[in-house]
Amino acid sequence: MRQYQTLIMIALMVVAFYFLIMRPQRKRQQAIQRTMNELTPGTRVLLNSGIFGTVIAISDRQAKVELAPGVELTVLKQAIARVATDADEDTFTDEDDDDLEDAYDEPGAVEPAPLDPTAEPHEPGPEQQRPSSN
């Protein structure tokens, strides 16, 4: 009788493992696959890296995503985390840009120096050299 109890416990553990781990994982994979198959040009997506973009072309393994007007990126379909919703994205206004410009006008703010394309690269002085790691 003790032998059957052990077998029943092992069978129950296998069934519990299936329902608690395997089945939900399979459902998630099927939902992701369904989402990837339903992607069409014009769909707003969120990439795994946190970048938002709009699908402009899609193939079996890759998608071409437009990040900004004229900026396109080709990614594997697996890099698409999900379809972006309105709740995912913030809306920025011109006032947000003004706030960034005002930050440079504050006392103590350092404005970035413009790059001089004619300047020659220079070697760092002794005080600017990195210490060697031994």
Protein backbone atom coordinates (compact mmCIF):
# COMPACT_ATOMS: atom_id res chain seq x y z
CA MET A 1 0.00 0.00 0.00
CA ARG A 2 2.88 2.34 0.83
CA GLN A 3 4.26 1.75 -2.66
CA TYR A 4 1.06 3.07 -4.31
CA GLN A 5 1.07 6.20 -2.17
CA THR A 6 4.52 7.07 -3.44
CA LEU A 7 3.47 6.56 -7.05
CA ILE A 8 0.33 8.65 -6.54
CA MET A 9 2.40 11.47 -4.98
CA ILE A 10 4.83 11.44 -7.91
CA ALA A 11 1.93 11.51 -10.40
CA LEU A 12 0.32 14.43 -8.53
CA MET A 13 3.60 16.34 -8.58
CA VAL A 14 3.94 15.81 -12.34
CA VAL A 15 0.36 17.02 -12.92
CA ALA A 16 0.90 20.05 -10.66
CA PHE A 17 4.16 20.86 -12.49
CA TYR A 18 2.32 20.76 -15.81
CA PHE A 19 -0.56 23.01 -14.71
CA LEU A 20 1.55 25.46 -12.74
CA ILE A 21 4.54 25.86 -15.06
CA MET A 22 4.29 24.24 -18.48
CA ARG A 23 0.73 25.16 -19.44
CA PRO A 24 0.94 28.91 -18.59
CA GLN A 25 4.29 29.17 -20.39
CA ARG A 26 2.84 27.54 -23.50
CA LYS A 27 -0.14 29.92 -23.41
CA ARG A 28 2.19 32.95 -23.14
CA GLN A 29 4.24 31.71 -26.09
CA GLN A 30 1.10 31.19 -28.17
CA ALA A 31 -0.14 34.70 -27.30
CA ILE A 32 3.21 36.22 -28.29
CA GLN A 33 3.22 34.24 -31.54
CA ARG A 34 -0.34 35.36 -32.28
CA THR A 35 0.65 38.99 -31.68
CA MET A 36 3.68 38.68 -33.97
CA ASN A 37 1.54 37.14 -36.72
CA GLU A 38 -1.03 39.94 -36.43
CA LEU A 39 1.52 42.76 -36.82
CA THR A 40 0.82 44.93 -39.83
CA PRO A 41 2.45 48.07 -41.21
CA GLY A 42 1.30 51.08 -39.23
CA THR A 43 1.18 49.24 -35.89
CA ARG A 44 2.85 51.13 -33.04
CA VAL A 45 5.15 48.76 -31.10
CA LEU A 46 7.43 48.73 -28.09
CA LEU A 47 10.80 47.01 -28.54
CA ASN A 48 12.48 45.01 -25.75
CA SER A 49 15.02 47.84 -25.43
CA GLY A 50 12.24 50.28 -24.51
CA ILE A 51 12.22 52.06 -27.87
CA PHE A 52 8.89 52.93 -29.45
CA GLY A 53 8.41 52.68 -33.19
CA THR A 54 5.94 52.12 -35.98
CA VAL A 55 6.10 48.97 -38.11
CA ILE A 56 6.56 49.92 -41.77
CA ALA A 57 7.33 46.49 -43.22
CA ILE A 58 7.31 42.97 -41.87
CA SER A 59 8.61 39.60 -43.07
CA ASP A 60 8.82 36.13 -41.57
CA ARG A 61 11.79 36.84 -39.30
CA GLN A 62 12.36 40.60 -39.37
CA ALA A 63 10.45 43.85 -39.12
CA LYS A 64 11.38 47.30 -40.32
CA VAL A 65 10.45 49.84 -37.67
CA GLU A 66 10.38 53.61 -38.07
CA LEU A 67 11.60 55.31 -34.90
CA ALA A 68 11.21 58.89 -36.12
CA PRO A 69 10.43 60.36 -39.53
CA GLY A 70 13.17 59.08 -41.83
CA VAL A 71 14.85 56.92 -39.15
CA GLU A 72 14.30 53.23 -39.87
CA LEU A 73 15.59 50.21 -38.02
CA THR A 74 15.49 46.56 -39.03
CA VAL A 75 14.98 44.23 -36.06
CA LEU A 76 14.22 40.59 -35.45
CA LYS A 77 10.56 40.04 -34.69
CA GLN A 78 11.59 38.64 -31.29
CA ALA A 79 12.87 42.14 -30.40
CA ILE A 80 9.29 43.42 -30.43
CA ALA A 81 8.00 43.18 -26.87
CA ARG A 82 4.38 44.10 -27.54
CA VAL A 83 2.00 46.39 -29.34
CA ALA A 84 2.20 49.83 -27.71
CA THR A 85 -0.92 51.24 -26.10
CA ASP A 86 -1.84 54.85 -25.37
CA ALA A 87 -1.07 54.23 -21.71
CA ASP A 88 2.52 53.24 -22.62
CA GLU A 89 3.38 56.53 -24.30
CA ASP A 90 3.62 60.03 -22.86
CA THR A 91 2.75 63.00 -24.99
CA PHE A 92 5.33 65.74 -25.21
CA THR A 93 4.50 69.36 -25.92
CA ASP A 94 6.52 72.35 -27.06
CA GLU A 95 6.56 73.48 -23.42
CA ASP A 96 8.68 70.41 -22.59
CA ASP A 97 11.28 71.59 -25.11
CA ASP A 98 11.19 75.08 -23.60
CA ASP A 99 11.87 73.61 -20.16
CA LEU A 100 15.03 71.97 -21.49
CA GLU A 101 16.20 75.25 -23.02
CA ASP A 102 15.46 77.10 -19.78
CA ALA A 103 17.68 74.66 -17.88
CA TYR A 104 20.70 76.16 -19.69
CA ASP A 105 19.68 79.66 -18.55
CA GLU A 106 19.81 78.74 -14.86
CA PRO A 107 22.79 79.99 -12.85
CA GLY A 108 25.62 77.49 -12.85
CA ALA A 109 24.31 75.61 -15.88
CA VAL A 110 26.97 74.58 -18.36
CA GLU A 111 26.04 74.81 -22.01
CA PRO A 112 27.67 72.19 -24.22
CA ALA A 113 30.46 73.58 -26.37
CA PRO A 114 29.90 73.37 -30.12
CA LEU A 115 32.09 70.88 -31.95
CA ASP A 116 34.77 72.36 -34.17
CA PRO A 117 35.11 70.17 -37.28
CA THR A 118 38.46 71.81 -38.14
CA ALA A 119 40.04 71.08 -34.77
CA GLU A 120 42.78 68.47 -34.74
CA PRO A 121 42.62 65.60 -32.26
CA HIS A 122 45.03 66.03 -29.39
CA GLU A 123 46.72 63.76 -26.93
CA PRO A 124 45.66 64.15 -23.30
CA GLY A 125 48.17 65.87 -21.05
CA PRO A 126 49.78 64.07 -18.11
CA GLU A 127 47.06 65.30 -15.74
CA GLN A 128 44.37 63.95 -18.07
CA GLN A 129 45.87 60.55 -18.74
CA ARG A 130 44.21 57.56 -17.17
CA PRO A 131 46.18 55.71 -14.53
CA SER A 132 47.47 52.39 -15.74
CA SER A 133 46.02 49.31 -14.15
CA ASN A 134 48.62 46.86 -12.93
